[in-house]
Amino acid sequence: PRSGLAQDLPANRPNILLIISDDQPFSIFSRETMPNVFSELVDKGVQFDRGYVNTSWCCPSRS
C-alpha cells in the first residue's frame, strides 16, 4: 500500500541511463565486434567527448 505522503511522479520526466565504463580497449567496441550494442548505444545514444568529474572512481579519470 502507498503512503499518504507518496506522490505520483510526473509522466514527462526523461528516461536516462548513464553507463560509465573503463579498462576496455576502444578496439573491442566496434560495429563489427558488437553490432547490436553498437547500434543501440552509439546510433541512438549520446557521446560526451569531454567529460570532467570532481570525484573520480577510476584511474583514467585521475590521470
Protein backbone atom coordinates (compact mmCIF):
# COMPACT_ATOMS: atom_id res chain seq x y z
CA PRO A 1 0.00 0.00 0.00
CA ARG A 2 1.09 3.53 -0.74
CA SER A 3 1.78 6.02 1.99
CA GLY A 4 -0.44 9.05 2.31
CA LEU A 5 2.68 11.17 1.72
CA ALA A 6 3.66 9.42 -1.52
CA GLN A 7 3.16 11.41 -4.69
CA ASP A 8 2.95 10.31 -8.29
CA LEU A 9 5.92 11.37 -10.38
CA PRO A 10 5.18 13.42 -13.46
CA ALA A 11 4.92 11.29 -16.60
CA ASN A 12 7.02 13.70 -18.67
CA ARG A 13 10.31 13.03 -16.88
CA PRO A 14 13.11 11.79 -19.18
CA ASN A 15 14.25 8.19 -19.01
CA ILE A 16 18.05 8.43 -18.65
CA LEU A 17 20.53 5.58 -18.28
CA LEU A 18 24.15 6.58 -17.61
CA ILE A 19 26.75 3.92 -18.37
CA ILE A 20 30.29 4.55 -17.15
CA SER A 21 32.99 2.15 -18.23
CA ASP A 22 36.77 1.99 -18.26
CA ASP A 23 39.59 -0.51 -18.75
CA GLN A 24 38.32 -1.71 -22.14
CA PRO A 25 40.35 -1.16 -25.30
CA PHE A 26 38.45 1.04 -27.74
CA SER A 27 39.10 -1.52 -30.48
CA ILE A 28 36.67 -4.08 -28.99
CA PHE A 29 33.76 -1.65 -29.12
CA SER A 30 33.01 -1.56 -32.83
CA ARG A 31 30.13 -2.24 -35.17
CA GLU A 32 31.86 -5.45 -36.35
CA THR A 33 32.52 -6.85 -32.86
CA MET A 34 29.26 -5.88 -31.13
CA PRO A 35 26.73 -4.81 -33.80
CA ASN A 36 23.62 -4.81 -31.58
CA VAL A 37 25.24 -2.99 -28.68
CA PHE A 38 26.89 -0.52 -31.01
CA SER A 39 23.60 0.18 -32.77
CA GLU A 40 21.66 0.77 -29.56
CA LEU A 41 24.27 2.77 -27.64
CA VAL A 42 26.09 4.71 -30.33
CA ASP A 43 23.47 5.27 -33.02
CA LYS A 44 20.67 6.05 -30.55
CA GLY A 45 22.67 7.45 -27.65
CA VAL A 46 24.72 10.49 -26.72
CA GLN A 47 28.50 10.65 -26.56
CA PHE A 48 30.35 13.12 -24.37
CA ASP A 49 33.74 13.88 -25.92
CA ARG A 50 34.91 15.92 -22.94
CA GLY A 51 33.85 14.75 -19.52
CA TYR A 52 35.01 16.24 -16.24
CA VAL A 53 34.45 14.92 -12.73
CA ASN A 54 35.30 16.34 -9.33
CA THR A 55 35.42 12.88 -7.71
CA SER A 56 36.90 10.14 -9.85
CA TRP A 57 36.22 6.41 -9.49
CA CYS A 58 38.85 5.15 -11.91
CA CYS A 59 42.48 5.66 -12.86
CA PRO A 60 41.82 7.20 -16.32
CA SER A 61 39.78 9.96 -14.68
CA ARG A 62 42.61 10.78 -12.30
CA SER A 63 45.32 10.94 -14.94
